[in-house]
C-alpha atoms as a PDB file:
ATOM      1  CA  UNK A   1     182.430  18.250 -55.123  1.00  0.00           C
ATOM      2  CA  UNK A   2     181.076  15.081 -53.536  1.00  0.00           C
ATOM      3  CA  UNK A   3     177.495  13.929 -53.431  1.00  0.00           C
ATOM      4  CA  UNK A   4     176.297  12.106 -50.343  1.00  0.00           C
ATOM      5  CA  UNK A   5     173.548  10.103 -52.008  1.00  0.00           C
ATOM      6  CA  UNK A   6     172.184   9.051 -55.305  1.00  0.00           C
ATOM      7  CA  UNK A   7     171.287  11.984 -57.513  1.00  0.00           C
ATOM      8  CA  UNK A   8     167.556  12.419 -57.950  1.00  0.00           C
ATOM      9  CA  UNK A   9     166.579  13.154 -61.516  1.00  0.00           C
ATOM     10  CA  UNK A  10     163.695  15.545 -61.933  1.00  0.00           C
ATOM     11  CA  UNK A  11     161.627  14.993 -65.035  1.00  0.00           C
ATOM     12  CA  UNK A  12     158.440  16.618 -66.245  1.00  0.00           C
ATOM     13  CA  UNK A  13     156.602  13.416 -65.325  1.00  0.00           C
ATOM     14  CA  UNK A  14     157.807  13.646 -61.722  1.00  0.00           C
ATOM     15  CA  UNK A  15     156.363  17.123 -61.189  1.00  0.00           C
ATOM     16  CA  UNK A  16     153.429  17.460 -58.824  1.00  0.00           C
ATOM     17  CA  UNK A  17     150.230  19.129 -60.019  1.00  0.00           C
ATOM     18  CA  UNK A  18     151.081  22.203 -57.904  1.00  0.00           C
ATOM     19  CA  UNK A  19     154.385  22.545 -59.779  1.00  0.00           C
ATOM     20  CA  UNK A  20     152.613  22.265 -63.117  1.00  0.00           C
ATOM     21  CA  UNK A  21     150.133  24.948 -62.018  1.00  0.00           C
ATOM     22  CA  UNK A  22     153.021  27.247 -61.078  1.00  0.00           C
ATOM     23  CA  UNK A  23     154.574  26.745 -64.504  1.00  0.00           C
ATOM     24  CA  UNK A  24     151.290  27.324 -66.318  1.00  0.00           C
ATOM     25  CA  UNK A  25     150.465  30.450 -64.296  1.00  0.00           C
ATOM     26  CA  UNK A  26     153.709  32.036 -65.545  1.00  0.00           C
ATOM     27  CA  UNK A  27     152.770  31.674 -69.216  1.00  0.00           C
ATOM     28  CA  UNK A  28     152.267  35.008 -70.993  1.00  0.00           C
ATOM     29  CA  UNK A  29     148.874  34.382 -72.613  1.00  0.00           C
ATOM     30  CA  UNK A  30     145.851  32.133 -72.850  1.00  0.00           C
ATOM     31  CA  UNK A  31     147.167  30.982 -76.224  1.00  0.00           C
ATOM     32  CA  UNK A  32     150.423  29.863 -74.572  1.00  0.00           C
ATOM     33  CA  UNK A  33     148.372  28.070 -71.909  1.00  0.00           C
ATOM     34  CA  UNK A  34     146.350  26.250 -74.566  1.00  0.00           C
ATOM     35  CA  UNK A  35     149.517  25.219 -76.365  1.00  0.00           C
ATOM     36  CA  UNK A  36     151.148  23.927 -73.151  1.00  0.00           C
ATOM     37  CA  UNK A  37     147.961  22.098 -72.141  1.00  0.00           C
ATOM     38  CA  UNK A  38     148.071  20.173 -75.407  1.00  0.00           C
ATOM     39  CA  UNK A  39     151.382  18.567 -74.372  1.00  0.00           C
ATOM     40  CA  UNK A  40     149.734  15.816 -72.311  1.00  0.00           C
ATOM     41  CA  UNK A  41     146.463  14.685 -70.795  1.00  0.00           C
ATOM     42  CA  UNK A  42     147.771  15.501 -67.331  1.00  0.00           C
ATOM     43  CA  UNK A  43     148.720  19.067 -68.267  1.00  0.00           C
ATOM     44  CA  UNK A  44     145.328  19.493 -69.971  1.00  0.00           C
ATOM     45  CA  UNK A  45     143.586  18.255 -66.798  1.00  0.00           C
ATOM     46  CA  UNK A  46     145.562  20.678 -64.619  1.00  0.00           C
ATOM     47  CA  UNK A  47     144.988  23.564 -67.054  1.00  0.00           C
ATOM     48  CA  UNK A  48     141.215  22.878 -67.184  1.00  0.00           C
ATOM     49  CA  UNK A  49     140.697  22.812 -63.418  1.00  0.00           C
ATOM     50  CA  UNK A  50     138.154  25.547 -62.544  1.00  0.00           C
ATOM     51  CA  UNK A  51     140.237  26.831 -59.622  1.00  0.00           C
ATOM     52  CA  UNK A  52     143.351  27.089 -61.790  1.00  0.00           C
ATOM     53  CA  UNK A  53     141.440  28.810 -64.612  1.00  0.00           C
ATOM     54  CA  UNK A  54     140.015  31.347 -62.154  1.00  0.00           C
ATOM     55  CA  UNK A  55     143.530  32.243 -60.965  1.00  0.00           C
ATOM     56  CA  UNK A  56     144.853  32.362 -64.526  1.00  0.00           C
ATOM     57  CA  UNK A  57     142.023  34.680 -65.620  1.00  0.00           C
ATOM     58  CA  UNK A  58     142.595  36.955 -62.621  1.00  0.00           C
ATOM     59  CA  UNK A  59     146.122  37.555 -63.928  1.00  0.00           C
ATOM     60  CA  UNK A  60     145.039  37.952 -67.587  1.00  0.00           C
ATOM     61  CA  UNK A  61     141.528  39.353 -67.892  1.00  0.00           C
ATOM     62  CA  UNK A  62     141.231  39.245 -71.690  1.00  0.00           C
ATOM     63  CA  UNK A  63     141.148  36.145 -73.876  1.00  0.00           C
ATOM     64  CA  UNK A  64     142.219  35.935 -77.504  1.00  0.00           C
ATOM     65  CA  UNK A  65     139.645  35.358 -80.205  1.00  0.00           C
ATOM     66  CA  UNK A  66     140.409  32.216 -82.186  1.00  0.00           C
ATOM     67  CA  UNK A  67     137.691  32.810 -84.755  1.00  0.00           C
ATOM     68  CA  UNK A  68     133.999  32.365 -85.328  1.00  0.00           C
ATOM     69  CA  UNK A  69     131.574  29.722 -86.497  1.00  0.00           C
ATOM     70  CA  UNK A  70     129.199  30.501 -89.331  1.00  0.00           C
ATOM     71  CA  UNK A  71     126.099  28.400 -89.601  1.00  0.00           C
ATOM     72  CA  UNK A  72     124.189  28.125 -92.852  1.00  0.00           C
ATOM     73  CA  UNK A  73     121.415  25.696 -92.025  1.00  0.00           C
ATOM     74  CA  UNK A  74     119.796  26.070 -95.426  1.00  0.00           C
ATOM     75  CA  UNK A  75     122.905  24.519 -97.037  1.00  0.00           C
ATOM     76  CA  UNK A  76     122.594  21.381 -94.911  1.00  0.00           C
ATOM     77  CA  UNK A  77     126.107  21.499 -93.493  1.00  0.00           C
ATOM     78  CA  UNK A  78     127.842  21.762 -90.142  1.00  0.00           C
ATOM     79  CA  UNK A  79     128.846  25.233 -88.916  1.00  0.00           C
ATOM     80  CA  UNK A  80     132.092  26.335 -90.579  1.00  0.00           C
ATOM     81  CA  UNK A  81     134.962  27.759 -88.495  1.00  0.00           C
ATOM     82  CA  UNK A  82     136.706  30.882 -89.750  1.00  0.00           C
ATOM     83  CA  UNK A  83     139.981  31.587 -87.873  1.00  0.00           C
ATOM     84  CA  UNK A  84     140.816  35.141 -86.874  1.00  0.00           C
ATOM     85  CA  UNK A  85     143.813  36.927 -88.377  1.00  0.00           C
ATOM     86  CA  UNK A  86     145.643  36.585 -85.048  1.00  0.00           C
ATOM     87  CA  UNK A  87     145.561  32.769 -85.407  1.00  0.00           C
ATOM     88  CA  UNK A  88     147.569  33.088 -88.585  1.00  0.00           C
ATOM     89  CA  UNK A  89     150.159  35.413 -87.045  1.00  0.00           C
ATOM     90  CA  UNK A  90     150.543  34.068 -83.470  1.00  0.00           C
ATOM     91  CA  UNK A  91     152.239  30.647 -83.230  1.00  0.00           C
ATOM     92  CA  UNK A  92     150.607  29.866 -79.857  1.00  0.00           C
ATOM     93  CA  UNK A  93     147.117  30.653 -81.147  1.00  0.00           C
ATOM     94  CA  UNK A  94     147.864  28.683 -84.298  1.00  0.00           C
ATOM     95  CA  UNK A  95     148.901  25.651 -82.220  1.00  0.00           C
ATOM     96  CA  UNK A  96     145.745  25.961 -80.083  1.00  0.00           C
ATOM     97  CA  UNK A  97     143.592  26.074 -83.211  1.00  0.00           C
ATOM     98  CA  UNK A  98     145.396  23.066 -84.718  1.00  0.00           C
ATOM     99  CA  UNK A  99     144.990  21.098 -81.482  1.00  0.00           C
ATOM    100  CA  UNK A 100     141.266  21.796 -81.270  1.00  0.00           C
ATOM    101  CA  UNK A 101     138.458  20.165 -83.213  1.00  0.00           C
ATOM    102  CA  UNK A 102     137.246  23.213 -85.113  1.00  0.00           C
ATOM    103  CA  UNK A 103     136.220  21.040 -88.063  1.00  0.00           C
ATOM    104  CA  UNK A 104     133.762  19.373 -85.644  1.00  0.00           C
ATOM    105  CA  UNK A 105     134.933  15.868 -86.547  1.00  0.00           C
ATOM    106  CA  UNK A 106     133.532  14.444 -83.306  1.00  0.00           C
ATOM    107  CA  UNK A 107     130.085  15.234 -84.674  1.00  0.00           C
ATOM    108  CA  UNK A 108     130.818  12.663 -87.391  1.00  0.00           C
ATOM    109  CA  UNK A 109     130.150  15.236 -90.125  1.00  0.00           C
ATOM    110  CA  UNK A 110     126.412  14.861 -89.570  1.00  0.00           C
ATOM    111  CA  UNK A 111     124.904  17.851 -91.400  1.00  0.00           C
ATOM    112  CA  UNK A 112     121.759  17.583 -89.253  1.00  0.00           C
ATOM    113  CA  UNK A 113     123.548  19.378 -86.377  1.00  0.00           C
ATOM    114  CA  UNK A 114     122.519  23.044 -86.114  1.00  0.00           C
ATOM    115  CA  UNK A 115     124.314  25.758 -84.148  1.00  0.00           C
ATOM    116  CA  UNK A 116     121.918  27.344 -81.641  1.00  0.00           C
ATOM    117  CA  UNK A 117     124.213  29.376 -79.387  1.00  0.00           C
ATOM    118  CA  UNK A 118     127.816  29.822 -78.293  1.00  0.00           C
ATOM    119  CA  UNK A 119     129.279  30.843 -74.916  1.00  0.00           C
ATOM    120  CA  UNK A 120     132.880  30.818 -73.712  1.00  0.00           C
ATOM    121  CA  UNK A 121     134.015  28.750 -76.668  1.00  0.00           C
ATOM    122  CA  UNK A 122     131.340  26.092 -76.199  1.00  0.00           C
ATOM    123  CA  UNK A 123     128.775  25.422 -78.892  1.00  0.00           C
ATOM    124  CA  UNK A 124     125.134  24.605 -78.216  1.00  0.00           C
ATOM    125  CA  UNK A 125     124.030  22.348 -81.041  1.00  0.00           C
ATOM    126  CA  UNK A 126     120.754  20.663 -81.835  1.00  0.00           C
ATOM    127  CA  UNK A 127     119.840  17.765 -84.082  1.00  0.00           C
ATOM    128  CA  UNK A 128     116.117  17.249 -84.219  1.00  0.00           C
ATOM    129  CA  UNK A 129     114.997  17.185 -80.588  1.00  0.00           C
ATOM    130  CA  UNK A 130     118.498  16.434 -79.253  1.00  0.00           C
ATOM    131  CA  UNK A 131     120.676  19.127 -77.663  1.00  0.00           C
ATOM    132  CA  UNK A 132     124.411  18.870 -77.207  1.00  0.00           C
ATOM    133  CA  UNK A 133     127.199  21.074 -75.869  1.00  0.00           C
ATOM    134  CA  UNK A 134     130.518  20.779 -77.648  1.00  0.00           C
ATOM    135  CA  UNK A 135     133.848  22.315 -76.669  1.00  0.00           C
ATOM    136  CA  UNK A 136     136.155  22.176 -79.696  1.00  0.00           C
ATOM    137  CA  UNK A 137     139.251  23.018 -77.617  1.00  0.00           C
ATOM    138  CA  UNK A 138     138.885  20.164 -75.103  1.00  0.00           C
ATOM    139  CA  UNK A 139     137.009  17.878 -77.559  1.00  0.00           C
ATOM    140  CA  UNK A 140     134.275  17.350 -74.940  1.00  0.00           C
ATOM    141  CA  UNK A 141     130.819  16.536 -76.249  1.00  0.00           C
ATOM    142  CA  UNK A 142     127.975  16.388 -73.710  1.00  0.00           C
ATOM    143  CA  UNK A 143     124.320  15.596 -74.357  1.00  0.00           C
ATOM    144  CA  UNK A 144     121.849  17.943 -72.687  1.00  0.00           C
ATOM    145  CA  UNK A 145     118.353  16.887 -71.698  1.00  0.00           C
ATOM    146  CA  UNK A 146     115.698  18.868 -73.529  1.00  0.00           C
ATOM    147  CA  UNK A 147     112.754  19.990 -71.375  1.00  0.00           C
ATOM    148  CA  UNK A 148     109.980  17.436 -71.861  1.00  0.00           C
ATOM    149  CA  UNK A 149     107.018  18.435 -74.038  1.00  0.00           C
ATOM    150  CA  UNK A 150     108.739  21.620 -75.185  1.00  0.00           C
ATOM    151  CA  UNK A 151     109.725  21.533 -78.843  1.00  0.00           C
ATOM    152  CA  UNK A 152     112.693  23.576 -79.974  1.00  0.00           C
ATOM    153  CA  UNK A 153     111.869  26.573 -82.152  1.00  0.00           C
ATOM    154  CA  UNK A 154     113.080  26.327 -85.750  1.00  0.00           C
ATOM    155  CA  UNK A 155     116.729  27.194 -86.383  1.00  0.00           C
ATOM    156  CA  UNK A 156     117.090  30.747 -87.634  1.00  0.00           C
ATOM    157  CA  UNK A 157     114.290  32.109 -85.478  1.00  0.00           C
ATOM    158  CA  UNK A 158     114.805  34.454 -82.580  1.00  0.00           C
ATOM    159  CA  UNK A 159     117.114  32.686 -80.076  1.00  0.00           C
ATOM    160  CA  UNK A 160     115.060  31.179 -77.304  1.00  0.00           C
ATOM    161  CA  UNK A 161     117.607  28.512 -76.467  1.00  0.00           C
ATOM    162  CA  UNK A 162     120.773  29.775 -74.779  1.00  0.00           C
ATOM    163  CA  UNK A 163     123.837  28.087 -73.370  1.00  0.00           C
ATOM    164  CA  UNK A 164     124.766  28.846 -69.769  1.00  0.00           C
ATOM    165  CA  UNK A 165     128.205  27.748 -68.606  1.00  0.00           C
ATOM    166  CA  UNK A 166     128.790  27.280 -64.894  1.00  0.00           C
ATOM    167  CA  UNK A 167     132.265  27.365 -63.433  1.00  0.00           C
ATOM    168  CA  UNK A 168     131.924  25.730 -60.018  1.00  0.00           C
ATOM    169  CA  UNK A 169     134.500  25.161 -57.339  1.00  0.00           C
ATOM    170  CA  UNK A 170     134.281  24.806 -53.586  1.00  0.00           C
ATOM    171  CA  UNK A 171     134.698  28.532 -52.899  1.00  0.00           C
ATOM    172  CA  UNK A 172     132.605  30.290 -55.503  1.00  0.00           C
ATOM    173  CA  UNK A 173     130.278  29.861 -58.429  1.00  0.00           C
ATOM    174  CA  UNK A 174     130.147  31.952 -61.570  1.00  0.00           C
ATOM    175  CA  UNK A 175     127.855  31.753 -64.539  1.00  0.00           C
ATOM    176  CA  UNK A 176     129.064  33.195 -67.830  1.00  0.00           C
END
């Protein structure tokens, strides 16, 4: 069999974002998606796109539970992550947990951080009058402006500070 031109090699790096989305949409679970997204910054960017995530969630309405954070402010320590049993038994979930920052190292082990709320895997933390949202899966840490002249209630009191996550794209807006 003859070829009429130079053979074009297709590598993972030569794939377009649309091709990567097609691959990621075929993965069997959110844990598999998290594991694949950890393969490169580009795949993580594609997998974190709000439009892609909306389509992925439409195909798989339930998400796995990686674990929970326990905060013991009176001990003067950061919240401690306790993985779920499924993390120990599912290799994809285990890889997602290993790839995330569930030890909260980006917070520089500052025991002054207090867990105030959690939504969709994001943590609302406070340190004195400073608020911060931290996503241990993507390692994103974002400062949030506190309303002026409104002190935060003491940690451990009835929650009056809540985290609202907005998922915005050009076609729709959802708040979880």
